[in-house]
């Protein structure tokens, strides 16, 4: 362990670590927040599929798929740091309600323009901007609120259960959206309207959540000063800095396979919209399968090792997806993609927030979420690259970068710790 790392906060496994895979759901406030997130994720996961299918139907270009995610990513890049500041300054429940309201309005608006047959590509881009803006504030506030509701002892369990709800909806939502889109009575517009109904349910659950503990005296400093303070805070601790930088590259490149699933299924495998939902559900099946096990260990001493293994599985599986010869083989590989992604995201979030003090937790979470902004921004150049070198080689490249980033983090942290057996910041002290 280096001298700088000795000064960093450490994640500590407390009694909650042995409370079972679903321990956090015994807390009423967190349970309501969890259901709110589940409904919200159901809506958003439906829209991920619908957005990709609609963009492809309007343009039939991989670059257009990338552009839609670029709109999401650039907006999220701008909004997320401000969302981190807001979650440290403003009551988290209030931030969540406003953000969820924007998500609801976006889903409802897209449903209306598609049903009335006036939809244009710029409207789809605008909806992506609105979703990126809402997520930039929603993500940090939700994690900060969960931490306050469950306490430090069960933080890892709560984060993993949140990932379980996110990925559990991915089992059903894409296939459900694809099924609705393929039914003449619903179509894409009707599917968007159904997603708006789920978003409304999320709003109702948020209204039932407790107000939470009173916020500390509101900072009068410029929010950009607070953002800079959050960056300096992370940069002061090499262990935390290494984790956030590596996470940025793992997610930015590895997770971009999602943006090109419609092209892979409809162009490479020559299948219909419904199969897009099926293969996206495969990722969720792997995610749910691993999440329950991860929930038991997220607050324990094996979290670091499990995170490294998850990064390797994630990147490697994305690479194999790029060369999968048939739809069936791609389905099987995508199960492992989902398992690796969920393990990595849950544990990297838990470790980073466990290293952070309560005053900076919202801003640390916002910096973690910038990886998803990077994912959206990288989608356009990767889409253009796919048009030049082919979709399959581009997907292989995405997985290779994710795997390399995870390996680089492990090697750097191992060198800093001076031991192959322990990370620079010990979890479960």
Protein backbone atom coordinates (compact mmCIF):
# COMPACT_ATOMS: atom_id res chain seq x y z
CA UNK A 1 0.00 0.00 0.00
CA UNK A 2 1.36 3.43 -0.93
CA UNK A 3 1.54 6.41 1.43
CA UNK A 4 -1.18 8.20 -0.53
CA UNK A 5 -3.47 5.20 -0.40
CA UNK A 6 -3.09 4.98 3.37
CA UNK A 7 -4.91 8.30 3.63
CA UNK A 8 -7.86 7.20 1.53
CA UNK A 9 -11.17 6.16 3.07
CA UNK A 10 -11.69 2.41 2.98
CA UNK A 11 -14.77 0.34 2.29
CA UNK A 12 -15.70 -1.63 5.36
CA UNK A 13 -17.84 -4.72 5.47
CA UNK A 14 -20.12 -4.53 8.44
CA UNK A 15 -22.93 -6.61 9.83
CA UNK A 16 -25.04 -6.06 6.77
CA UNK A 17 -22.67 -8.16 4.77
CA UNK A 18 -24.09 -11.29 6.37
CA UNK A 19 -27.74 -10.29 6.18
CA UNK A 20 -28.55 -12.35 3.09
CA UNK A 21 -28.87 -11.55 -0.58
CA UNK A 22 -32.03 -9.45 -0.08
CA UNK A 23 -31.21 -7.84 3.27
CA UNK A 24 -31.72 -4.23 2.14
CA UNK A 25 -35.30 -4.89 1.01
CA UNK A 26 -36.32 -5.35 4.64
CA UNK A 27 -35.99 -1.55 5.00
CA UNK A 28 -39.32 -0.03 3.95
CA UNK A 29 -37.92 3.19 2.49
CA UNK A 30 -35.36 1.38 0.38
CA UNK A 31 -37.97 -1.17 -0.75
CA UNK A 32 -40.13 1.64 -2.15
CA UNK A 33 -37.11 3.19 -3.84
CA UNK A 34 -36.26 -0.23 -5.29
CA UNK A 35 -39.74 -0.65 -6.79
CA UNK A 36 -39.59 2.89 -8.18
CA UNK A 37 -36.31 2.01 -9.85
CA UNK A 38 -37.71 -1.26 -11.18
CA UNK A 39 -40.61 0.50 -12.91
CA UNK A 40 -38.28 3.22 -14.20
CA UNK A 41 -35.81 0.66 -15.56
CA UNK A 42 -38.64 -1.27 -17.22
CA UNK A 43 -39.62 1.89 -19.09
CA UNK A 44 -36.07 2.83 -20.02
CA UNK A 45 -35.09 -0.68 -21.15
CA UNK A 46 -38.12 -0.78 -23.44
CA UNK A 47 -37.04 2.54 -24.92
CA UNK A 48 -33.47 1.34 -25.50
CA UNK A 49 -34.80 -1.29 -27.87
CA UNK A 50 -37.46 0.95 -29.41
CA UNK A 51 -34.94 3.75 -29.99
CA UNK A 52 -32.55 1.44 -31.81
CA UNK A 53 -35.26 -0.18 -33.94
CA UNK A 54 -36.80 3.19 -34.84
CA UNK A 55 -33.43 4.73 -35.72
CA UNK A 56 -32.62 1.75 -37.95
CA UNK A 57 -36.05 1.82 -39.61
CA UNK A 58 -35.71 5.53 -40.34
CA UNK A 59 -32.14 5.39 -41.72
CA UNK A 60 -30.78 1.79 -42.01
CA UNK A 61 -27.31 3.05 -41.08
CA UNK A 62 -25.01 2.02 -38.19
CA UNK A 63 -23.83 5.63 -38.01
CA UNK A 64 -27.37 6.75 -37.23
CA UNK A 65 -27.54 4.28 -34.34
CA UNK A 66 -24.31 5.75 -33.05
CA UNK A 67 -25.59 9.31 -33.46
CA UNK A 68 -28.63 8.63 -31.29
CA UNK A 69 -26.39 7.35 -28.51
CA UNK A 70 -24.05 10.30 -29.05
CA UNK A 71 -26.93 12.67 -28.27
CA UNK A 72 -27.56 10.73 -25.08
CA UNK A 73 -23.89 10.59 -24.17
CA UNK A 74 -22.98 14.25 -24.72
CA UNK A 75 -26.00 15.41 -22.71
CA UNK A 76 -25.19 13.00 -19.92
CA UNK A 77 -21.56 14.13 -19.97
CA UNK A 78 -22.70 17.68 -19.25
CA UNK A 79 -25.53 16.84 -16.85
CA UNK A 80 -23.94 14.13 -14.70
CA UNK A 81 -21.39 16.31 -12.84
CA UNK A 82 -24.17 18.79 -12.11
CA UNK A 83 -26.32 15.87 -10.96
CA UNK A 84 -23.59 14.86 -8.54
CA UNK A 85 -23.52 18.36 -7.07
CA UNK A 86 -27.33 18.40 -6.86
CA UNK A 87 -27.38 15.09 -4.97
CA UNK A 88 -24.95 16.53 -2.40
CA UNK A 89 -26.91 19.81 -2.09
CA UNK A 90 -30.61 19.09 -2.66
CA UNK A 91 -32.98 16.52 -1.12
CA UNK A 92 -32.44 13.36 -3.14
CA UNK A 93 -36.14 12.53 -3.36
CA UNK A 94 -36.85 15.90 -4.97
CA UNK A 95 -34.12 15.38 -7.58
CA UNK A 96 -35.48 11.92 -8.33
CA UNK A 97 -39.05 13.16 -8.78
CA UNK A 98 -38.02 15.87 -11.24
CA UNK A 99 -35.77 13.50 -13.19
CA UNK A 100 -38.45 10.82 -13.36
CA UNK A 101 -40.93 13.44 -14.58
CA UNK A 102 -38.63 14.24 -17.51
CA UNK A 103 -38.27 10.53 -18.34
CA UNK A 104 -42.06 10.16 -18.31
CA UNK A 105 -42.57 13.18 -20.57
CA UNK A 106 -39.99 11.88 -23.06
CA UNK A 107 -41.63 8.45 -23.32
CA UNK A 108 -45.11 9.95 -23.65
CA UNK A 109 -43.98 12.45 -26.30
CA UNK A 110 -42.30 9.78 -28.43
CA UNK A 111 -45.36 7.56 -28.19
CA UNK A 112 -47.60 10.36 -29.41
CA UNK A 113 -45.43 11.34 -32.42
CA UNK A 114 -45.02 7.72 -33.53
CA UNK A 115 -48.72 6.88 -33.15
CA UNK A 116 -49.71 9.99 -35.12
CA UNK A 117 -47.09 9.13 -37.79
CA UNK A 118 -45.28 12.46 -37.60
CA UNK A 119 -42.04 11.10 -36.14
CA UNK A 120 -38.76 12.32 -37.62
CA UNK A 121 -35.17 11.44 -36.80
CA UNK A 122 -34.54 14.76 -35.02
CA UNK A 123 -37.38 13.96 -32.60
CA UNK A 124 -35.67 10.70 -31.70
CA UNK A 125 -32.43 12.62 -31.13
CA UNK A 126 -34.26 15.14 -28.92
CA UNK A 127 -35.75 12.32 -26.83
CA UNK A 128 -32.24 10.94 -26.36
CA UNK A 129 -31.08 14.36 -25.16
CA UNK A 130 -33.94 14.52 -22.64
CA UNK A 131 -33.15 11.03 -21.35
CA UNK A 132 -29.45 11.84 -21.01
CA UNK A 133 -30.32 14.99 -19.05
CA UNK A 134 -32.65 13.11 -16.71
CA UNK A 135 -30.21 10.25 -16.12
CA UNK A 136 -27.43 12.69 -15.33
CA UNK A 137 -29.37 13.77 -12.25
CA UNK A 138 -31.27 10.54 -11.52
CA UNK A 139 -28.28 8.21 -11.14
CA UNK A 140 -26.24 10.07 -8.49
CA UNK A 141 -29.35 11.00 -6.50
CA UNK A 142 -30.66 7.43 -6.47
CA UNK A 143 -27.39 5.95 -5.18
CA UNK A 144 -26.94 8.72 -2.59
CA UNK A 145 -30.55 8.26 -1.42
CA UNK A 146 -30.11 4.48 -1.15
CA UNK A 147 -26.95 4.96 0.93
CA UNK A 148 -28.88 7.17 3.36
CA UNK A 149 -31.76 4.71 3.60
CA UNK A 150 -29.70 1.56 4.24
CA UNK A 151 -26.50 2.87 5.83
CA UNK A 152 -22.88 1.95 5.12
CA UNK A 153 -23.17 -1.66 6.32
CA UNK A 154 -25.59 -2.63 3.55
CA UNK A 155 -24.47 -0.23 0.81
CA UNK A 156 -22.99 -2.96 -1.38
CA UNK A 157 -26.10 -5.11 -0.99
CA UNK A 158 -28.35 -2.18 -1.89
CA UNK A 159 -26.29 -1.29 -4.99
CA UNK A 160 -26.28 -4.90 -6.17
CA UNK A 161 -30.03 -5.23 -5.65
CA UNK A 162 -30.46 -2.05 -7.69
CA UNK A 163 -28.43 -3.70 -10.44
CA UNK A 164 -30.65 -6.76 -10.05
CA UNK A 165 -33.77 -4.67 -10.68
CA UNK A 166 -32.06 -2.99 -13.65
CA UNK A 167 -31.04 -6.29 -15.21
CA UNK A 168 -34.17 -8.13 -14.17
CA UNK A 169 -36.19 -5.72 -16.29
CA UNK A 170 -33.78 -6.36 -19.14
CA UNK A 171 -34.94 -10.00 -19.14
CA UNK A 172 -38.49 -8.96 -19.94
CA UNK A 173 -38.51 -5.36 -21.18
CA UNK A 174 -36.73 -5.72 -24.55
CA UNK A 175 -38.65 -8.86 -25.49
CA UNK A 176 -41.88 -7.24 -24.28
CA UNK A 177 -41.18 -4.08 -26.29
CA UNK A 178 -40.26 -6.13 -29.36
CA UNK A 179 -43.44 -8.16 -29.03
CA UNK A 180 -45.60 -5.03 -28.72
CA UNK A 181 -43.81 -3.40 -31.66
CA UNK A 182 -44.59 -6.47 -33.79
CA UNK A 183 -48.32 -6.37 -32.99
CA UNK A 184 -50.27 -4.22 -35.45
CA UNK A 185 -52.57 -2.82 -32.74
CA UNK A 186 -49.60 -1.48 -30.73
CA UNK A 187 -46.65 -1.01 -33.04
CA UNK A 188 -43.67 1.12 -32.01
CA UNK A 189 -45.90 4.00 -30.90
CA UNK A 190 -48.05 1.83 -28.65
CA UNK A 191 -44.95 0.26 -27.14
CA UNK A 192 -43.62 3.74 -26.31
CA UNK A 193 -46.93 4.60 -24.62
CA UNK A 194 -46.76 1.42 -22.52
CA UNK A 195 -43.26 2.41 -21.45
CA UNK A 196 -44.70 5.79 -20.38
CA UNK A 197 -47.18 3.94 -18.13
CA UNK A 198 -44.31 2.15 -16.37
CA UNK A 199 -42.60 5.52 -15.94
CA UNK A 200 -45.76 6.88 -14.31
CA UNK A 201 -45.78 3.94 -11.88
CA UNK A 202 -42.20 4.87 -10.93
CA UNK A 203 -43.34 8.40 -10.10
CA UNK A 204 -46.05 7.04 -7.79
CA UNK A 205 -43.53 4.89 -5.91
CA UNK A 206 -41.14 7.83 -5.50
CA UNK A 207 -43.95 9.86 -3.98
CA UNK A 208 -44.35 7.10 -1.37
CA UNK A 209 -40.66 7.20 -0.43
CA UNK A 210 -39.68 8.98 2.81
CA UNK A 211 -38.25 12.46 2.64
CA UNK A 212 -34.97 11.19 4.06
CA UNK A 213 -32.64 12.83 6.54
CA UNK A 214 -32.41 16.64 6.39
CA UNK A 215 -29.69 17.89 4.06
CA UNK A 216 -26.71 19.72 5.47
CA UNK A 217 -26.57 23.48 5.07
CA UNK A 218 -26.79 24.18 1.35
CA UNK A 219 -23.52 25.22 -0.22
CA UNK A 220 -23.45 28.77 -1.59
CA UNK A 221 -20.48 28.10 -3.82
CA UNK A 222 -20.74 27.96 -7.60
CA UNK A 223 -21.73 24.39 -8.61
CA UNK A 224 -18.75 24.23 -10.94
CA UNK A 225 -16.51 24.89 -7.94
CA UNK A 226 -18.13 21.89 -6.25
CA UNK A 227 -17.53 19.79 -9.37
CA UNK A 228 -13.85 20.77 -9.34
CA UNK A 229 -13.69 19.89 -5.65
CA UNK A 230 -15.10 16.44 -6.42
CA UNK A 231 -12.47 15.87 -9.11
CA UNK A 232 -9.69 17.00 -6.74
CA UNK A 233 -11.07 14.67 -4.07
CA UNK A 234 -10.86 11.65 -6.38
CA UNK A 235 -7.44 12.67 -7.72
CA UNK A 236 -6.06 12.94 -4.18
CA UNK A 237 -6.44 9.17 -3.66
CA UNK A 238 -4.61 7.06 -6.28
CA UNK A 239 -6.65 3.96 -5.42
CA UNK A 240 -9.93 5.72 -6.13
CA UNK A 241 -8.52 7.45 -9.22
CA UNK A 242 -7.35 4.15 -10.72
CA UNK A 243 -10.74 2.57 -10.20
CA UNK A 244 -12.69 5.41 -11.80
CA UNK A 245 -10.37 5.73 -14.82
CA UNK A 246 -10.39 2.00 -15.54
CA UNK A 247 -14.17 1.85 -15.12
CA UNK A 248 -14.50 4.64 -17.66
CA UNK A 249 -12.73 2.62 -20.36
CA UNK A 250 -14.38 -0.72 -19.49
CA UNK A 251 -17.88 0.76 -19.80
CA UNK A 252 -17.23 3.27 -22.59
CA UNK A 253 -16.00 0.59 -24.98
CA UNK A 254 -17.34 -2.72 -23.70
CA UNK A 255 -20.92 -1.62 -23.18
CA UNK A 256 -21.21 -0.19 -26.69
CA UNK A 257 -22.12 -3.63 -28.01
CA UNK A 258 -25.69 -2.70 -26.92
CA UNK A 259 -25.90 0.11 -29.47
CA UNK A 260 -25.23 -2.25 -32.36
CA UNK A 261 -27.41 -5.22 -31.41
CA UNK A 262 -30.19 -4.10 -33.83
CA UNK A 263 -27.71 -4.04 -36.72
CA UNK A 264 -26.19 -7.39 -35.69
CA UNK A 265 -29.57 -9.11 -35.52
CA UNK A 266 -31.36 -7.46 -38.44
CA UNK A 267 -28.46 -7.10 -40.89
CA UNK A 268 -25.86 -9.78 -39.99
CA UNK A 269 -28.31 -12.52 -38.92
CA UNK A 270 -31.17 -11.24 -41.15
CA UNK A 271 -33.83 -11.57 -38.44
CA UNK A 272 -36.80 -9.45 -37.34
CA UNK A 273 -37.34 -6.88 -34.55
CA UNK A 274 -38.53 -9.51 -32.10
CA UNK A 275 -35.14 -11.22 -32.11
CA UNK A 276 -33.50 -7.94 -31.06
CA UNK A 277 -35.46 -8.15 -27.83
CA UNK A 278 -34.61 -11.83 -27.41
CA UNK A 279 -30.84 -11.34 -27.59
CA UNK A 280 -30.96 -8.29 -25.30
CA UNK A 281 -32.90 -10.41 -22.83
CA UNK A 282 -30.07 -12.96 -22.95
CA UNK A 283 -27.73 -10.40 -21.42
CA UNK A 284 -30.25 -9.80 -18.67
CA UNK A 285 -30.55 -13.52 -17.91
CA UNK A 286 -26.82 -13.67 -17.21
CA UNK A 287 -27.04 -10.49 -15.17
CA UNK A 288 -29.82 -11.78 -12.93
CA UNK A 289 -28.10 -15.13 -12.49
CA UNK A 290 -24.92 -13.52 -11.18
CA UNK A 291 -26.53 -10.64 -9.25
CA UNK A 292 -27.96 -12.74 -6.42
CA UNK A 293 -24.56 -14.31 -5.75
CA UNK A 294 -22.82 -10.93 -6.00
CA UNK A 295 -25.29 -9.44 -3.51
CA UNK A 296 -24.01 -11.84 -0.86
CA UNK A 297 -20.37 -10.82 -1.37
CA UNK A 298 -20.55 -7.14 -2.36
CA UNK A 299 -19.81 -5.98 1.20
CA UNK A 300 -17.20 -8.65 1.87
CA UNK A 301 -13.44 -9.14 1.40
CA UNK A 302 -13.76 -10.90 -1.98
CA UNK A 303 -15.30 -7.90 -3.74
CA UNK A 304 -12.05 -6.76 -5.37
CA UNK A 305 -11.16 -10.17 -6.80
CA UNK A 306 -14.70 -10.73 -8.06
CA UNK A 307 -14.65 -7.35 -9.80
CA UNK A 308 -11.44 -8.21 -11.67
CA UNK A 309 -12.82 -11.57 -12.78
CA UNK A 310 -16.06 -9.89 -13.90
CA UNK A 311 -14.15 -7.38 -16.04
CA UNK A 312 -12.31 -10.23 -17.78
CA UNK A 313 -15.50 -12.19 -18.40
CA UNK A 314 -17.27 -9.08 -19.72
CA UNK A 315 -14.56 -8.01 -22.17
CA UNK A 316 -13.84 -11.55 -23.32
CA UNK A 317 -17.50 -12.35 -23.94
CA UNK A 318 -18.00 -9.17 -26.00
CA UNK A 319 -15.04 -10.22 -28.16
CA UNK A 320 -16.57 -13.67 -28.71
CA UNK A 321 -19.94 -12.07 -29.51
CA UNK A 322 -18.25 -10.27 -32.39
CA UNK A 323 -17.32 -13.59 -34.04
CA UNK A 324 -20.40 -15.67 -33.05
CA UNK A 325 -21.42 -17.51 -36.24
CA UNK A 326 -25.14 -17.93 -35.53
CA UNK A 327 -27.91 -16.24 -33.60
CA UNK A 328 -28.09 -19.15 -31.15
CA UNK A 329 -24.38 -18.94 -30.36
CA UNK A 330 -24.66 -15.15 -30.02
CA UNK A 331 -27.54 -15.65 -27.56
CA UNK A 332 -25.44 -17.99 -25.38
CA UNK A 333 -22.41 -15.67 -25.43
CA UNK A 334 -24.57 -12.66 -24.54
CA UNK A 335 -25.61 -14.43 -21.32
CA UNK A 336 -21.96 -14.25 -20.24
CA UNK A 337 -21.73 -10.63 -21.41
CA UNK A 338 -24.58 -9.73 -19.07
CA UNK A 339 -23.10 -11.68 -16.16
CA UNK A 340 -19.71 -9.99 -16.50
CA UNK A 341 -21.16 -6.53 -16.95
CA UNK A 342 -23.37 -6.78 -13.87
CA UNK A 343 -20.62 -8.15 -11.66
CA UNK A 344 -18.23 -5.42 -12.75
CA UNK A 345 -20.70 -2.53 -12.44
CA UNK A 346 -22.05 -3.60 -9.05
CA UNK A 347 -18.66 -4.17 -7.47
CA UNK A 348 -16.85 -1.16 -8.97
CA UNK A 349 -19.67 1.08 -7.71
CA UNK A 350 -19.58 -0.52 -4.26
CA UNK A 351 -15.80 -0.24 -3.94
CA UNK A 352 -15.69 3.37 -5.17
CA UNK A 353 -18.49 4.55 -2.88
CA UNK A 354 -17.04 2.60 0.03
CA UNK A 355 -13.79 4.54 -0.44
CA UNK A 356 -15.67 7.88 -0.42
CA UNK A 357 -16.93 9.97 2.46
CA UNK A 358 -20.61 10.94 2.66
CA UNK A 359 -19.92 14.57 1.71
CA UNK A 360 -18.50 13.60 -1.70
CA UNK A 361 -20.50 10.44 -2.41
CA UNK A 362 -22.88 12.07 -4.91
CA UNK A 363 -20.03 13.61 -6.89
CA UNK A 364 -18.04 10.36 -6.88
CA UNK A 365 -21.09 8.55 -8.22
CA UNK A 366 -21.51 11.21 -10.92
CA UNK A 367 -17.90 10.68 -12.01
CA UNK A 368 -18.54 6.93 -12.19
CA UNK A 369 -21.57 7.58 -14.34
CA UNK A 370 -19.49 9.58 -16.82
CA UNK A 371 -18.44 6.21 -18.23
CA UNK A 372 -21.97 5.89 -19.61
CA UNK A 373 -21.68 9.34 -21.12
CA UNK A 374 -18.46 8.13 -22.70
CA UNK A 375 -20.33 5.05 -23.93
CA UNK A 376 -22.81 7.28 -25.72
CA UNK A 377 -20.12 9.55 -27.16
CA UNK A 378 -18.01 6.62 -28.39
CA UNK A 379 -21.03 5.06 -30.14
CA UNK A 380 -20.84 7.42 -33.13
CA UNK A 381 -17.14 6.93 -33.99
CA UNK A 382 -17.51 3.19 -33.35
CA UNK A 383 -20.55 3.14 -35.63
CA UNK A 384 -18.63 4.93 -38.36
CA UNK A 385 -15.72 2.54 -37.80
CA UNK A 386 -18.13 -0.39 -38.17
CA UNK A 387 -19.21 0.96 -41.55
CA UNK A 388 -15.55 0.93 -42.66
CA UNK A 389 -14.10 -2.27 -41.16
CA UNK A 390 -17.32 -4.20 -40.59
CA UNK A 391 -19.59 -4.64 -37.58
CA UNK A 392 -18.01 -7.85 -36.30
CA UNK A 393 -14.41 -6.52 -36.08
CA UNK A 394 -15.72 -3.37 -34.39
CA UNK A 395 -17.46 -5.42 -31.67
CA UNK A 396 -14.30 -7.49 -31.14
CA UNK A 397 -12.35 -4.24 -30.69
CA UNK A 398 -14.86 -3.02 -28.07
CA UNK A 399 -14.38 -6.16 -26.00
CA UNK A 400 -10.59 -6.08 -26.35
CA UNK A 401 -10.37 -2.53 -24.99
CA UNK A 402 -12.65 -3.41 -22.04
CA UNK A 403 -10.56 -6.47 -21.17
CA UNK A 404 -7.30 -4.51 -21.48
CA UNK A 405 -8.62 -1.77 -19.18
CA UNK A 406 -9.57 -4.30 -16.51
CA UNK A 407 -6.19 -6.02 -16.75
CA UNK A 408 -4.32 -2.69 -16.59
CA UNK A 409 -6.23 -1.73 -13.44
CA UNK A 410 -5.37 -5.03 -11.77
CA UNK A 411 -1.67 -4.75 -12.61
CA UNK A 412 -1.41 -1.12 -11.50
CA UNK A 413 -3.26 -1.79 -8.25
CA UNK A 414 -1.18 -4.88 -7.59
CA UNK A 415 2.03 -2.90 -8.08
CA UNK A 416 0.78 -0.12 -5.80
CA UNK A 417 -0.12 -2.58 -3.08
CA UNK A 418 3.18 -4.41 -3.40
CA UNK A 419 1.36 -7.72 -3.23
CA UNK A 420 -0.50 -9.90 -5.73
CA UNK A 421 -2.92 -11.00 -3.02
CA UNK A 422 -4.48 -7.70 -1.96
CA UNK A 423 -5.72 -4.46 -3.58
CA UNK A 424 -4.32 -1.07 -2.63
CA UNK A 425 -7.44 -0.33 -0.66
CA UNK A 426 -8.67 -3.25 1.41
CA UNK A 427 -12.37 -4.05 1.50
CA UNK A 428 -13.63 -5.81 4.55
CA UNK A 429 -11.15 -4.33 7.01
